[in-house]
Protein backbone atom coordinates (compact mmCIF):
# COMPACT_ATOMS: atom_id res chain seq x y z
CA MET A 1 0.18 0.33 0.37
CA GLN A 2 1.43 3.49 -0.90
CA ARG A 3 0.87 7.05 1.64
CA SER A 4 -2.52 7.34 2.01
CA ARG A 5 -5.20 8.84 3.76
CA LEU A 6 -5.30 5.67 5.93
CA HIS A 7 -8.45 5.67 9.08
CA VAL A 8 -6.91 2.26 11.49
CA LEU A 9 -10.23 1.24 14.03
CA GLY A 10 -10.96 -1.42 16.61
CA ALA A 11 -11.93 -1.99 20.27
CA SER A 12 -9.79 0.19 23.08
CA GLY A 13 -6.78 -2.11 23.26
CA SER A 14 -6.29 -3.58 20.13
CA GLY A 15 -3.62 -1.76 19.51
CA THR A 16 -4.75 0.57 16.81
CA THR A 17 -2.72 3.79 17.95
CA THR A 18 0.41 1.31 18.23
CA LEU A 19 -0.15 0.03 14.35
CA ALA A 20 -0.83 3.55 13.37
CA ARG A 21 1.67 5.48 14.61
CA ALA A 22 4.37 2.32 13.51
CA LEU A 23 2.23 3.30 9.87
CA ALA A 24 2.66 6.86 10.24
CA ASP A 25 6.63 6.33 10.86
CA ARG A 26 7.18 4.31 8.32
CA TRP A 27 5.81 6.44 5.84
CA ALA A 28 6.46 9.89 6.91
CA VAL A 29 3.56 11.16 6.76
CA PRO A 30 1.43 12.87 10.13
CA HIS A 31 -0.91 9.95 12.65
CA ALA A 32 -3.39 11.53 14.34
CA ASP A 33 -5.45 9.95 17.26
CA ALA A 34 -9.38 10.24 17.46
CA ASP A 35 -9.08 10.64 21.20
CA ASP A 36 -6.47 13.71 21.23
CA TYR A 37 -9.13 16.21 18.99
CA PHE A 38 -12.32 13.83 21.20
CA TRP A 39 -10.86 14.64 24.46
CA VAL A 40 -9.88 18.51 26.16
CA PRO A 41 -6.04 17.61 27.45
CA THR A 42 -6.61 17.50 31.19
CA THR A 43 -5.19 16.70 34.21
CA PRO A 44 -5.97 13.21 34.88
CA PRO A 45 -7.08 12.87 31.71
CA PHE A 46 -10.15 12.28 29.67
CA ARG A 47 -12.59 14.16 31.77
CA GLU A 48 -13.67 16.60 29.22
CA LYS A 49 -14.89 16.33 25.92
CA ARG A 50 -14.60 18.39 23.08
CA GLU A 51 -17.69 19.71 21.35
CA PRO A 52 -18.13 17.78 18.04
CA PRO A 53 -17.55 20.86 15.99
CA ALA A 54 -14.85 22.10 17.44
CA ARG A 55 -12.94 18.45 17.30
CA ILE A 56 -13.02 18.79 13.11
CA THR A 57 -12.27 22.14 13.28
CA LEU A 58 -9.26 20.92 15.41
CA MET A 59 -8.48 18.22 12.76
CA GLU A 60 -9.22 20.71 9.77
CA GLN A 61 -5.83 22.55 11.28
CA VAL A 62 -3.94 20.19 12.25
CA PHE A 63 -4.28 17.02 9.26
CA ALA A 64 -7.13 16.40 7.64
CA PRO A 65 -6.40 18.72 4.06
CA ARG A 66 -3.34 16.53 4.16
CA GLU A 67 -2.24 14.39 0.86
CA ALA A 68 -1.20 11.98 3.22
CA TRP A 69 -1.87 10.41 7.15
CA VAL A 70 -2.78 7.61 9.42
CA LEU A 71 -5.68 8.14 11.44
CA SER A 72 -6.56 5.97 14.76
CA GLY A 73 -9.17 5.89 16.80
CA ALA A 74 -13.31 5.75 16.59
CA MET A 75 -14.86 8.11 15.08
CA ASN A 76 -18.45 6.55 14.39
CA GLY A 77 -21.11 9.43 14.94
CA TRP A 78 -18.61 12.85 15.44
CA GLY A 79 -16.41 12.63 12.27
CA ASP A 80 -17.89 11.82 9.26
CA GLU A 81 -16.37 15.05 7.45
CA VAL A 82 -12.95 13.33 8.25
CA LEU A 83 -13.71 9.68 7.60
CA ALA A 84 -15.17 10.80 4.27
CA ARG A 85 -11.24 11.77 3.44
CA CYS A 86 -10.43 8.38 3.90
CA GLU A 87 -8.80 6.36 1.14
CA ALA A 88 -8.88 2.72 3.03
CA VAL A 89 -9.53 1.29 6.62
CA VAL A 90 -7.75 -0.88 8.79
CA PHE A 91 -9.84 -3.03 11.07
CA VAL A 92 -7.93 -4.55 14.05
CA THR A 93 -9.56 -7.00 16.38
CA LEU A 94 -7.82 -8.32 18.64
CA ASP A 95 -8.87 -11.87 21.35
CA PRO A 96 -11.37 -9.94 24.21
CA ALA A 97 -9.22 -11.01 27.06
CA GLU A 98 -6.37 -9.98 25.73
CA ARG A 99 -7.33 -6.69 24.67
CA LEU A 100 -8.29 -6.16 29.04
CA ARG A 101 -4.81 -7.41 29.34
CA ARG A 102 -3.22 -5.11 27.32
CA LEU A 103 -5.35 -1.74 28.91
CA GLU A 104 -4.52 -2.89 32.68
CA ALA A 105 -0.91 -2.53 31.29
CA ARG A 106 -1.58 0.65 29.56
CA GLU A 107 -3.36 1.77 32.95
CA GLN A 108 -0.52 1.01 35.17
CA VAL A 109 2.20 2.89 32.53
CA ARG A 110 -0.15 5.95 32.49
CA ARG A 111 -0.83 6.10 35.96
CA GLU A 112 2.76 5.63 36.86
CA GLY A 113 3.21 7.39 40.51
CA GLN A 114 0.41 8.25 41.02
CA GLU A 115 -3.18 7.36 42.43
CA ILE A 116 -5.63 5.56 40.13
CA ASP A 117 -9.35 6.80 40.05
CA GLN A 118 -10.78 3.46 40.99
CA GLN A 119 -14.14 4.17 40.00
CA ALA A 120 -12.76 5.77 37.30
CA TRP A 121 -11.11 3.01 35.73
CA THR A 122 -13.88 0.39 36.96
CA GLU A 123 -16.14 2.28 34.53
CA PHE A 124 -13.19 1.94 31.47
CA ARG A 125 -12.56 -1.24 32.17
CA GLU A 126 -16.78 -1.94 31.69
CA TRP A 127 -17.46 0.37 29.12
CA ALA A 128 -14.42 -1.26 26.94
CA LEU A 129 -15.81 -4.98 28.11
CA GLY A 130 -19.45 -3.63 26.10
CA TYR A 131 -17.38 -3.77 23.19
CA ASP A 132 -17.80 -7.58 21.74
CA ASP A 133 -21.69 -7.37 23.40
CA PRO A 134 -23.83 -7.27 20.36
CA ALA A 135 -26.26 -5.73 22.44
CA PHE A 136 -24.05 -2.65 24.61
CA THR A 137 -25.18 0.97 23.13
CA GLY A 138 -21.68 2.39 23.10
CA ARG A 139 -18.69 1.50 21.04
CA SER A 140 -18.81 -1.84 19.67
CA ARG A 141 -17.76 -4.45 17.40
CA ALA A 142 -21.35 -4.78 16.26
CA GLY A 143 -21.60 -0.85 15.05
CA HIS A 144 -17.86 -0.91 13.90
CA GLU A 145 -18.66 -3.98 11.74
CA GLU A 146 -22.68 -2.20 11.08
CA TRP A 147 -20.49 1.10 9.68
CA LEU A 148 -17.40 -1.11 7.86
CA SER A 149 -20.78 -2.78 5.63
CA THR A 150 -21.87 0.84 4.40
CA LEU A 151 -17.89 2.02 3.30
CA ASP A 152 -16.81 2.11 -0.79
CA VAL A 153 -13.13 1.91 0.36
CA PRO A 154 -10.83 -0.67 0.96
CA VAL A 155 -11.04 -2.48 3.99
CA LEU A 156 -8.27 -4.58 5.67
CA ARG A 157 -8.90 -6.51 8.35
CA VAL A 158 -6.12 -7.64 10.99
CA ASP A 159 -6.07 -9.94 13.86
CA SER A 160 -2.73 -7.55 16.62
CA ALA A 161 -2.19 -10.14 18.50
CA ARG A 162 1.10 -10.55 16.05
CA PRO A 163 3.72 -8.40 15.80
CA VAL A 164 3.52 -4.97 14.96
CA GLY A 165 6.32 -5.20 12.32
CA ALA A 166 4.52 -7.89 10.93
CA LEU A 167 1.10 -5.98 11.29
CA VAL A 168 2.72 -2.82 9.06
CA ASP A 169 4.03 -5.89 7.22
CA GLU A 170 0.52 -6.60 6.02
CA VAL A 171 -0.33 -3.51 5.51
CA LEU A 172 2.39 -2.08 3.46
CA GLU A 173 2.10 -5.33 1.46
CA TRP A 174 -1.58 -4.86 0.72
CA GLU A 175 -2.90 -3.69 -3.04
CA PRO A 176 -6.53 -2.45 -2.48
CA GLN A 177 -8.45 -1.53 -5.67
CA GLY A 178 -9.40 2.59 -5.87
CA VAL A 179 -6.19 3.77 -3.51
CA PRO A 180 -3.99 6.16 -5.48
CA SER A 181 -0.33 4.63 -6.02
């Protein structure tokens, strides 16, 4: 796959940000993570949401008009204007138990030297576990699958149980139809 406007999405803890950063590094293009636009920077993080129009405005100012970039994270329901610019999508999956293990490890690193807000962590954990529940009303695999089925751009599905380097190679070796070369 050549440099393009690529969207990498999947469940929290599945490795979307890690894969997107690695791809952006290989292509020498900007990487953007949806969370950086969704949330206002706070200490502790993830407390205050930006309004959707402000998110889009910021994305337009920082990366969206560029010729190529890699965007990680879910934006269904608020980022359609930016998502419409994507030329291909990589959908990342991972076993739920491994996702939870990764989320717990990430939280330990993120909060090193700080008290963990147990209530916030428990709420986040429950939200993240809901991803694989078809009845869950938040960000879910069912919602992602439904959205993916509506796309007119190529979609590559990868299992992130493999090393990041192998995933990067798989994406770079992918030759989707309709993506500029």
